[in-house]
Amino acid sequence: MINLAHLIETVQLLLEQFQSLTKKILQETILKARPELATAYGNILTLLVLLTSIYLLLLLVNAFRKILGIILLLGWLFLSISMVLTVLTK
């Protein structure tokens, strides 16, 4: 069974690693002239990437929910039609 505390620690570690990588990339590329700004922009960039990921995940879940709703609606509709036709043909 997954321990919630262990899961939270793992996610926190991954976020810290991503934040560190983002800062390093910013320092070596865009902010080469002013690497001290990489910390501030790295933190903001990490937060925005995280929020964007959550948003996209929610969009996918919502799209799946709509597709499942359509499948359920069609299933009930076909079942009802089948039952009505069976009763009428006998």
PDB file of N, CA and C in Angstrom:
ATOM      1  N   MET A   1       0.840  -1.178   0.000  1.00  0.00           N
ATOM      2  CA  MET A   1       0.000   0.000   0.000  1.00  0.00           C
ATOM      3  C   MET A   1       0.890   1.248   0.000  1.00  0.00           C
ATOM      4  N   ILE A   2       0.459   2.260  -0.690  1.00  0.00           N
ATOM      5  CA  ILE A   2       1.256   3.473  -0.820  1.00  0.00           C
ATOM      6  C   ILE A   2       1.092   4.337   0.423  1.00  0.00           C
ATOM      7  N   ASN A   3       2.203   4.735   0.981  1.00  0.00           N
ATOM      8  CA  ASN A   3       2.197   5.604   2.147  1.00  0.00           C
ATOM      9  C   ASN A   3       2.055   7.050   1.667  1.00  0.00           C
ATOM     10  N   LEU A   4       1.084   7.774   2.180  1.00  0.00           N
ATOM     11  CA  LEU A   4       0.819   9.139   1.743  1.00  0.00           C
ATOM     12  C   LEU A   4       1.994  10.061   2.035  1.00  0.00           C
ATOM     13  N   ALA A   5       2.621   9.906   3.173  1.00  0.00           N
ATOM     14  CA  ALA A   5       3.769  10.749   3.526  1.00  0.00           C
ATOM     15  C   ALA A   5       4.925  10.511   2.555  1.00  0.00           C
ATOM     16  N   HIS A   6       5.144   9.249   2.186  1.00  0.00           N
ATOM     17  CA  HIS A   6       6.203   8.928   1.235  1.00  0.00           C
ATOM     18  C   HIS A   6       5.894   9.525  -0.145  1.00  0.00           C
ATOM     19  N   LEU A   7       4.639   9.466  -0.549  1.00  0.00           N
ATOM     20  CA  LEU A   7       4.223  10.036  -1.825  1.00  0.00           C
ATOM     21  C   LEU A   7       4.431  11.545  -1.851  1.00  0.00           C
ATOM     22  N   ILE A   8       4.076  12.213  -0.767  1.00  0.00           N
ATOM     23  CA  ILE A   8       4.250  13.663  -0.681  1.00  0.00           C
ATOM     24  C   ILE A   8       5.731  14.027  -0.728  1.00  0.00           C
ATOM     25  N   GLU A   9       6.558  13.268  -0.009  1.00  0.00           N
ATOM     26  CA  GLU A   9       8.003  13.517  -0.025  1.00  0.00           C
ATOM     27  C   GLU A   9       8.584  13.324  -1.427  1.00  0.00           C
ATOM     28  N   THR A  10       8.113  12.317  -2.134  1.00  0.00           N
ATOM     29  CA  THR A  10       8.595  12.050  -3.485  1.00  0.00           C
ATOM     30  C   THR A  10       8.213  13.178  -4.433  1.00  0.00           C
ATOM     31  N   VAL A  11       6.968  13.621  -4.347  1.00  0.00           N
ATOM     32  CA  VAL A  11       6.516  14.725  -5.193  1.00  0.00           C
ATOM     33  C   VAL A  11       7.304  15.993  -4.873  1.00  0.00           C
ATOM     34  N   GLN A  12       7.535  16.255  -3.605  1.00  0.00           N
ATOM     35  CA  GLN A  12       8.312  17.423  -3.196  1.00  0.00           C
ATOM     36  C   GLN A  12       9.735  17.340  -3.734  1.00  0.00           C
ATOM     37  N   LEU A  13      10.338  16.172  -3.660  1.00  0.00           N
ATOM     38  CA  LEU A  13      11.688  15.978  -4.183  1.00  0.00           C
ATOM     39  C   LEU A  13      11.730  16.211  -5.689  1.00  0.00           C
ATOM     40  N   LEU A  14      10.741  15.683  -6.406  1.00  0.00           N
ATOM     41  CA  LEU A  14      10.684  15.879  -7.850  1.00  0.00           C
ATOM     42  C   LEU A  14      10.516  17.350  -8.214  1.00  0.00           C
ATOM     43  N   LEU A  15       9.673  18.052  -7.456  1.00  0.00           N
ATOM     44  CA  LEU A  15       9.485  19.484  -7.714  1.00  0.00           C
ATOM     45  C   LEU A  15      10.774  20.265  -7.453  1.00  0.00           C
ATOM     46  N   GLU A  16      11.471  19.920  -6.395  1.00  0.00           N
ATOM     47  CA  GLU A  16      12.734  20.601  -6.094  1.00  0.00           C
ATOM     48  C   GLU A  16      13.769  20.336  -7.182  1.00  0.00           C
ATOM     49  N   GLN A  17      13.824  19.104  -7.673  1.00  0.00           N
ATOM     50  CA  GLN A  17      14.756  18.775  -8.746  1.00  0.00           C
ATOM     51  C   GLN A  17      14.409  19.529 -10.029  1.00  0.00           C
ATOM     52  N   PHE A  18      13.124  19.605 -10.338  1.00  0.00           N
ATOM     53  CA  PHE A  18      12.682  20.336 -11.525  1.00  0.00           C
ATOM     54  C   PHE A  18      13.005  21.826 -11.388  1.00  0.00           C
ATOM     55  N   GLN A  19      12.772  22.364 -10.200  1.00  0.00           N
ATOM     56  CA  GLN A  19      13.074  23.770  -9.943  1.00  0.00           C
ATOM     57  C   GLN A  19      14.572  24.035 -10.083  1.00  0.00           C
ATOM     58  N   SER A  20      15.392  23.148  -9.580  1.00  0.00           N
ATOM     59  CA  SER A  20      16.837  23.281  -9.692  1.00  0.00           C
ATOM     60  C   SER A  20      17.281  23.222 -11.154  1.00  0.00           C
ATOM     61  N   LEU A  21      16.720  22.301 -11.896  1.00  0.00           N
ATOM     62  CA  LEU A  21      17.037  22.180 -13.310  1.00  0.00           C
ATOM     63  C   LEU A  21      16.619  23.430 -14.080  1.00  0.00           C
ATOM     64  N   THR A  22      15.448  23.951 -13.767  1.00  0.00           N
ATOM     65  CA  THR A  22      14.962  25.165 -14.413  1.00  0.00           C
ATOM     66  C   THR A  22      15.887  26.338 -14.140  1.00  0.00           C
ATOM     67  N   LYS A  23      16.307  26.499 -12.891  1.00  0.00           N
ATOM     68  CA  LYS A  23      17.231  27.580 -12.542  1.00  0.00           C
ATOM     69  C   LYS A  23      18.540  27.448 -13.303  1.00  0.00           C
ATOM     70  N   LYS A  24      19.051  26.226 -13.370  1.00  0.00           N
ATOM     71  CA  LYS A  24      20.321  25.993 -14.055  1.00  0.00           C
ATOM     72  C   LYS A  24      20.210  26.329 -15.541  1.00  0.00           C
ATOM     73  N   ILE A  25      19.134  25.907 -16.168  1.00  0.00           N
ATOM     74  CA  ILE A  25      18.936  26.198 -17.585  1.00  0.00           C
ATOM     75  C   ILE A  25      18.810  27.701 -17.805  1.00  0.00           C
ATOM     76  N   LEU A  26      18.066  28.382 -16.937  1.00  0.00           N
ATOM     77  CA  LEU A  26      17.923  29.837 -17.067  1.00  0.00           C
ATOM     78  C   LEU A  26      19.265  30.541 -16.890  1.00  0.00           C
ATOM     79  N   GLN A  27      20.047  30.094 -15.917  1.00  0.00           N
ATOM     80  CA  GLN A  27      21.352  30.710 -15.673  1.00  0.00           C
ATOM     81  C   GLN A  27      22.289  30.529 -16.859  1.00  0.00           C
ATOM     82  N   GLU A  28      22.216  29.411 -17.506  1.00  0.00           N
ATOM     83  CA  GLU A  28      23.139  29.118 -18.602  1.00  0.00           C
ATOM     84  C   GLU A  28      22.669  29.624 -19.954  1.00  0.00           C
ATOM     85  N   THR A  29      21.405  30.005 -20.073  1.00  0.00           N
ATOM     86  CA  THR A  29      20.895  30.421 -21.379  1.00  0.00           C
ATOM     87  C   THR A  29      20.385  31.857 -21.352  1.00  0.00           C
ATOM     88  N   ILE A  30      19.146  32.040 -21.020  1.00  0.00           N
ATOM     89  CA  ILE A  30      18.479  33.335 -21.136  1.00  0.00           C
ATOM     90  C   ILE A  30      19.062  34.370 -20.181  1.00  0.00           C
ATOM     91  N   LEU A  31      19.351  33.977 -18.949  1.00  0.00           N
ATOM     92  CA  LEU A  31      19.820  34.922 -17.933  1.00  0.00           C
ATOM     93  C   LEU A  31      21.325  34.792 -17.684  1.00  0.00           C
ATOM     94  N   LYS A  32      22.079  34.524 -18.732  1.00  0.00           N
ATOM     95  CA  LYS A  32      23.522  34.348 -18.578  1.00  0.00           C
ATOM     96  C   LYS A  32      24.177  35.631 -18.055  1.00  0.00           C
ATOM     97  N   ALA A  33      23.673  36.784 -18.475  1.00  0.00           N
ATOM     98  CA  ALA A  33      24.252  38.063 -18.039  1.00  0.00           C
ATOM     99  C   ALA A  33      23.900  38.380 -16.590  1.00  0.00           C
ATOM    100  N   ARG A  34      22.730  37.913 -16.111  1.00  0.00           N
ATOM    101  CA  ARG A  34      22.298  38.182 -14.730  1.00  0.00           C
ATOM    102  C   ARG A  34      21.778  36.900 -14.101  1.00  0.00           C
ATOM    103  N   PRO A  35      22.677  35.994 -13.739  1.00  0.00           N
ATOM    104  CA  PRO A  35      22.253  34.686 -13.206  1.00  0.00           C
ATOM    105  C   PRO A  35      21.533  34.763 -11.865  1.00  0.00           C
ATOM    106  N   GLU A  36      21.673  35.867 -11.120  1.00  0.00           N
ATOM    107  CA  GLU A  36      20.980  35.986  -9.835  1.00  0.00           C
ATOM    108  C   GLU A  36      19.462  36.066 -10.009  1.00  0.00           C
ATOM    109  N   LEU A  37      19.003  36.448 -11.203  1.00  0.00           N
ATOM    110  CA  LEU A  37      17.562  36.506 -11.463  1.00  0.00           C
ATOM    111  C   LEU A  37      16.968  35.117 -11.729  1.00  0.00           C
ATOM    112  N   ALA A  38      17.820  34.157 -11.965  1.00  0.00           N
ATOM    113  CA  ALA A  38      17.338  32.814 -12.306  1.00  0.00           C
ATOM    114  C   ALA A  38      16.539  32.189 -11.167  1.00  0.00           C
ATOM    115  N   THR A  39      16.878  32.507  -9.927  1.00  0.00           N
ATOM    116  CA  THR A  39      16.144  31.933  -8.790  1.00  0.00           C
ATOM    117  C   THR A  39      14.694  32.401  -8.789  1.00  0.00           C
ATOM    118  N   ALA A  40      14.493  33.688  -8.922  1.00  0.00           N
ATOM    119  CA  ALA A  40      13.129  34.233  -8.904  1.00  0.00           C
ATOM    120  C   ALA A  40      12.321  33.725 -10.096  1.00  0.00           C
ATOM    121  N   TYR A  41      12.915  33.811 -11.276  1.00  0.00           N
ATOM    122  CA  TYR A  41      12.188  33.373 -12.462  1.00  0.00           C
ATOM    123  C   TYR A  41      12.044  31.850 -12.506  1.00  0.00           C
ATOM    124  N   GLY A  42      12.998  31.133 -11.972  1.00  0.00           N
ATOM    125  CA  GLY A  42      12.893  29.676 -11.911  1.00  0.00           C
ATOM    126  C   GLY A  42      11.747  29.230 -11.030  1.00  0.00           C
ATOM    127  N   ASN A  43      11.563  29.902  -9.902  1.00  0.00           N
ATOM    128  CA  ASN A  43      10.449  29.575  -9.001  1.00  0.00           C
ATOM    129  C   ASN A  43       9.105  29.832  -9.673  1.00  0.00           C
ATOM    130  N   ILE A  44       8.997  30.980 -10.323  1.00  0.00           N
ATOM    131  CA  ILE A  44       7.741  31.326 -10.998  1.00  0.00           C
ATOM    132  C   ILE A  44       7.470  30.360 -12.145  1.00  0.00           C
ATOM    133  N   LEU A  45       8.522  30.067 -12.920  1.00  0.00           N
ATOM    134  CA  LEU A  45       8.371  29.158 -14.047  1.00  0.00           C
ATOM    135  C   LEU A  45       7.958  27.760 -13.581  1.00  0.00           C
ATOM    136  N   THR A  46       8.536  27.296 -12.500  1.00  0.00           N
ATOM    137  CA  THR A  46       8.180  25.985 -11.948  1.00  0.00           C
ATOM    138  C   THR A  46       6.715  25.963 -11.518  1.00  0.00           C
ATOM    139  N   LEU A  47       6.269  27.005 -10.852  1.00  0.00           N
ATOM    140  CA  LEU A  47       4.873  27.081 -10.423  1.00  0.00           C
ATOM    141  C   LEU A  47       3.928  27.087 -11.618  1.00  0.00           C
ATOM    142  N   LEU A  48       4.268  27.862 -12.642  1.00  0.00           N
ATOM    143  CA  LEU A  48       3.404  27.926 -13.824  1.00  0.00           C
ATOM    144  C   LEU A  48       3.371  26.599 -14.577  1.00  0.00           C
ATOM    145  N   VAL A  49       4.488  25.916 -14.654  1.00  0.00           N
ATOM    146  CA  VAL A  49       4.509  24.605 -15.307  1.00  0.00           C
ATOM    147  C   VAL A  49       3.662  23.610 -14.520  1.00  0.00           C
ATOM    148  N   LEU A  50       3.762  23.647 -13.202  1.00  0.00           N
ATOM    149  CA  LEU A  50       2.959  22.758 -12.362  1.00  0.00           C
ATOM    150  C   LEU A  50       1.462  23.024 -12.537  1.00  0.00           C
ATOM    151  N   LEU A  51       1.087  24.290 -12.492  1.00  0.00           N
ATOM    152  CA  LEU A  51      -0.330  24.634 -12.645  1.00  0.00           C
ATOM    153  C   LEU A  51      -0.846  24.285 -14.036  1.00  0.00           C
ATOM    154  N   THR A  52      -0.012  24.485 -15.053  1.00  0.00           N
ATOM    155  CA  THR A  52      -0.410  24.123 -16.411  1.00  0.00           C
ATOM    156  C   THR A  52      -0.598  22.616 -16.537  1.00  0.00           C
ATOM    157  N   SER A  53       0.272  21.847 -15.909  1.00  0.00           N
ATOM    158  CA  SER A  53       0.144  20.387 -15.933  1.00  0.00           C
ATOM    159  C   SER A  53      -1.147  19.939 -15.266  1.00  0.00           C
ATOM    160  N   ILE A  54      -1.459  20.526 -14.134  1.00  0.00           N
ATOM    161  CA  ILE A  54      -2.707  20.192 -13.435  1.00  0.00           C
ATOM    162  C   ILE A  54      -3.909  20.555 -14.292  1.00  0.00           C
ATOM    163  N   TYR A  55      -3.860  21.719 -14.920  1.00  0.00           N
ATOM    164  CA  TYR A  55      -4.958  22.174 -15.785  1.00  0.00           C
ATOM    165  C   TYR A  55      -5.168  21.207 -16.949  1.00  0.00           C
ATOM    166  N   LEU A  56      -4.077  20.807 -17.606  1.00  0.00           N
ATOM    167  CA  LEU A  56      -4.189  19.880 -18.732  1.00  0.00           C
ATOM    168  C   LEU A  56      -4.719  18.521 -18.280  1.00  0.00           C
ATOM    169  N   LEU A  57      -4.288  18.070 -17.112  1.00  0.00           N
ATOM    170  CA  LEU A  57      -4.798  16.812 -16.569  1.00  0.00           C
ATOM    171  C   LEU A  57      -6.303  16.894 -16.309  1.00  0.00           C
ATOM    172  N   LEU A  58      -6.749  18.008 -15.760  1.00  0.00           N
ATOM    173  CA  LEU A  58      -8.182  18.192 -15.520  1.00  0.00           C
ATOM    174  C   LEU A  58      -8.967  18.246 -16.829  1.00  0.00           C
ATOM    175  N   LEU A  59      -8.380  18.855 -17.860  1.00  0.00           N
ATOM    176  CA  LEU A  59      -9.039  18.876 -19.167  1.00  0.00           C
ATOM    177  C   LEU A  59      -9.203  17.468 -19.720  1.00  0.00           C
ATOM    178  N   LEU A  60      -8.160  16.647 -19.583  1.00  0.00           N
ATOM    179  CA  LEU A  60      -8.244  15.273 -20.065  1.00  0.00           C
ATOM    180  C   LEU A  60      -9.292  14.475 -19.300  1.00  0.00           C
ATOM    181  N   VAL A  61      -9.337  14.662 -17.989  1.00  0.00           N
ATOM    182  CA  VAL A  61     -10.331  13.956 -17.177  1.00  0.00           C
ATOM    183  C   VAL A  61     -11.737  14.391 -17.574  1.00  0.00           C
ATOM    184  N   ASN A  62     -11.914  15.697 -17.795  1.00  0.00           N
ATOM    185  CA  ASN A  62     -13.229  16.209 -18.177  1.00  0.00           C
ATOM    186  C   ASN A  62     -13.637  15.674 -19.549  1.00  0.00           C
ATOM    187  N   ALA A  63     -12.692  15.614 -20.479  1.00  0.00           N
ATOM    188  CA  ALA A  63     -12.994  15.075 -21.812  1.00  0.00           C
ATOM    189  C   ALA A  63     -13.373  13.606 -21.709  1.00  0.00           C
ATOM    190  N   PHE A  64     -12.646  12.842 -20.892  1.00  0.00           N
ATOM    191  CA  PHE A  64     -12.971  11.434 -20.705  1.00  0.00           C
ATOM    192  C   PHE A  64     -14.360  11.277 -20.088  1.00  0.00           C
ATOM    193  N   ARG A  65     -14.692  12.169 -19.145  1.00  0.00           N
ATOM    194  CA  ARG A  65     -16.007  12.100 -18.504  1.00  0.00           C
ATOM    195  C   ARG A  65     -17.114  12.326 -19.533  1.00  0.00           C
ATOM    196  N   LYS A  66     -16.894  13.261 -20.451  1.00  0.00           N
ATOM    197  CA  LYS A  66     -17.906  13.522 -21.487  1.00  0.00           C
ATOM    198  C   LYS A  66     -18.059  12.322 -22.417  1.00  0.00           C
ATOM    199  N   ILE A  67     -16.932  11.730 -22.800  1.00  0.00           N
ATOM    200  CA  ILE A  67     -16.983  10.563 -23.683  1.00  0.00           C
ATOM    201  C   ILE A  67     -17.691   9.400 -22.997  1.00  0.00           C
ATOM    202  N   LEU A  68     -17.371   9.177 -21.721  1.00  0.00           N
ATOM    203  CA  LEU A  68     -18.027   8.113 -20.973  1.00  0.00           C
ATOM    204  C   LEU A  68     -19.529   8.386 -20.857  1.00  0.00           C
ATOM    205  N   GLY A  69     -19.925   9.629 -20.667  1.00  0.00           N
ATOM    206  CA  GLY A  69     -21.336   9.989 -20.596  1.00  0.00           C
ATOM    207  C   GLY A  69     -22.062   9.679 -21.895  1.00  0.00           C
ATOM    208  N   ILE A  70     -21.413   9.964 -23.011  1.00  0.00           N
ATOM    209  CA  ILE A  70     -22.024   9.674 -24.312  1.00  0.00           C
ATOM    210  C   ILE A  70     -22.169   8.165 -24.502  1.00  0.00           C
ATOM    211  N   ILE A  71     -21.137   7.415 -24.129  1.00  0.00           N
ATOM    212  CA  ILE A  71     -21.198   5.955 -24.250  1.00  0.00           C
ATOM    213  C   ILE A  71     -22.325   5.392 -23.379  1.00  0.00           C
ATOM    214  N   LEU A  72     -22.442   5.889 -22.153  1.00  0.00           N
ATOM    215  CA  LEU A  72     -23.523   5.427 -21.269  1.00  0.00           C
ATOM    216  C   LEU A  72     -24.898   5.778 -21.839  1.00  0.00           C
ATOM    217  N   LEU A  73     -25.035   6.990 -22.347  1.00  0.00           N
ATOM    218  CA  LEU A  73     -26.309   7.412 -22.935  1.00  0.00           C
ATOM    219  C   LEU A  73     -26.691   6.525 -24.103  1.00  0.00           C
ATOM    220  N   LEU A  74     -25.724   6.250 -24.990  1.00  0.00           N
ATOM    221  CA  LEU A  74     -26.006   5.380 -26.129  1.00  0.00           C
ATOM    222  C   LEU A  74     -26.334   3.961 -25.669  1.00  0.00           C
ATOM    223  N   GLY A  75     -25.656   3.475 -24.657  1.00  0.00           N
ATOM    224  CA  GLY A  75     -25.939   2.141 -24.136  1.00  0.00           C
ATOM    225  C   GLY A  75     -27.358   2.022 -23.617  1.00  0.00           C
ATOM    226  N   TRP A  76     -27.780   2.985 -22.800  1.00  0.00           N
ATOM    227  CA  TRP A  76     -29.145   2.970 -22.279  1.00  0.00           C
ATOM    228  C   TRP A  76     -30.173   3.119 -23.408  1.00  0.00           C
ATOM    229  N   LEU A  77     -29.854   3.966 -24.375  1.00  0.00           N
ATOM    230  CA  LEU A  77     -30.766   4.175 -25.500  1.00  0.00           C
ATOM    231  C   LEU A  77     -30.929   2.887 -26.310  1.00  0.00           C
ATOM    232  N   PHE A  78     -29.817   2.234 -26.648  1.00  0.00           N
ATOM    233  CA  PHE A  78     -29.898   0.988 -27.406  1.00  0.00           C
ATOM    234  C   PHE A  78     -30.591  -0.117 -26.622  1.00  0.00           C
ATOM    235  N   LEU A  79     -30.353  -0.184 -25.314  1.00  0.00           N
ATOM    236  CA  LEU A  79     -31.026  -1.176 -24.481  1.00  0.00           C
ATOM    237  C   LEU A  79     -32.536  -0.935 -24.476  1.00  0.00           C
ATOM    238  N   SER A  80     -32.933   0.302 -24.317  1.00  0.00           N
ATOM    239  CA  SER A  80     -34.374   0.637 -24.302  1.00  0.00           C
ATOM    240  C   SER A  80     -35.030   0.304 -25.630  1.00  0.00           C
ATOM    241  N   ILE A  81     -34.384   0.666 -26.721  1.00  0.00           N
ATOM    242  CA  ILE A  81     -34.937   0.377 -28.051  1.00  0.00           C
ATOM    243  C   ILE A  81     -35.048  -1.129 -28.266  1.00  0.00           C
ATOM    244  N   SER A  82     -34.007  -1.840 -27.851  1.00  0.00           N
ATOM    245  CA  SER A  82     -34.014  -3.297 -28.006  1.00  0.00           C
ATOM    246  C   SER A  82     -35.145  -3.927 -27.222  1.00  0.00           C
ATOM    247  N   MET A  83     -35.366  -3.456 -25.991  1.00  0.00           N
ATOM    248  CA  MET A  83     -36.447  -4.012 -25.167  1.00  0.00           C
ATOM    249  C   MET A  83     -37.801  -3.704 -25.773  1.00  0.00           C
ATOM    250  N   VAL A  84     -37.996  -2.483 -26.242  1.00  0.00           N
ATOM    251  CA  VAL A  84     -39.278  -2.099 -26.846  1.00  0.00           C
ATOM    252  C   VAL A  84     -39.540  -2.924 -28.114  1.00  0.00           C
ATOM    253  N   LEU A  85     -38.532  -3.057 -28.964  1.00  0.00           N
ATOM    254  CA  LEU A  85     -38.701  -3.842 -30.190  1.00  0.00           C
ATOM    255  C   LEU A  85     -38.968  -5.314 -29.890  1.00  0.00           C
ATOM    256  N   THR A  86     -38.349  -5.849 -28.862  1.00  0.00           N
ATOM    257  CA  THR A  86     -38.578  -7.244 -28.484  1.00  0.00           C
ATOM    258  C   THR A  86     -40.011  -7.451 -28.026  1.00  0.00           C
ATOM    259  N   VAL A  87     -40.522  -6.511 -27.233  1.00  0.00           N
ATOM    260  CA  VAL A  87     -41.897  -6.636 -26.743  1.00  0.00           C
ATOM    261  C   VAL A  87     -42.901  -6.463 -27.888  1.00  0.00           C
ATOM    262  N   LEU A  88     -42.635  -5.533 -28.803  1.00  0.00           N
ATOM    263  CA  LEU A  88     -43.572  -5.260 -29.899  1.00  0.00           C
ATOM    264  C   LEU A  88     -43.598  -6.378 -30.942  1.00  0.00           C
ATOM    265  N   THR A  89     -42.506  -7.081 -31.124  1.00  0.00           N
ATOM    266  CA  THR A  89     -42.455  -8.113 -32.143  1.00  0.00           C
ATOM    267  C   THR A  89     -43.024  -9.445 -31.675  1.00  0.00           C
ATOM    268  N   LYS A  90     -43.309  -9.627 -30.414  1.00  0.00           N
ATOM    269  CA  LYS A  90     -43.862 -10.888 -29.929  1.00  0.00           C
ATOM    270  C   LYS A  90     -45.334 -10.869 -29.906  1.00  0.00           C
TER     271      LYS A  90
END
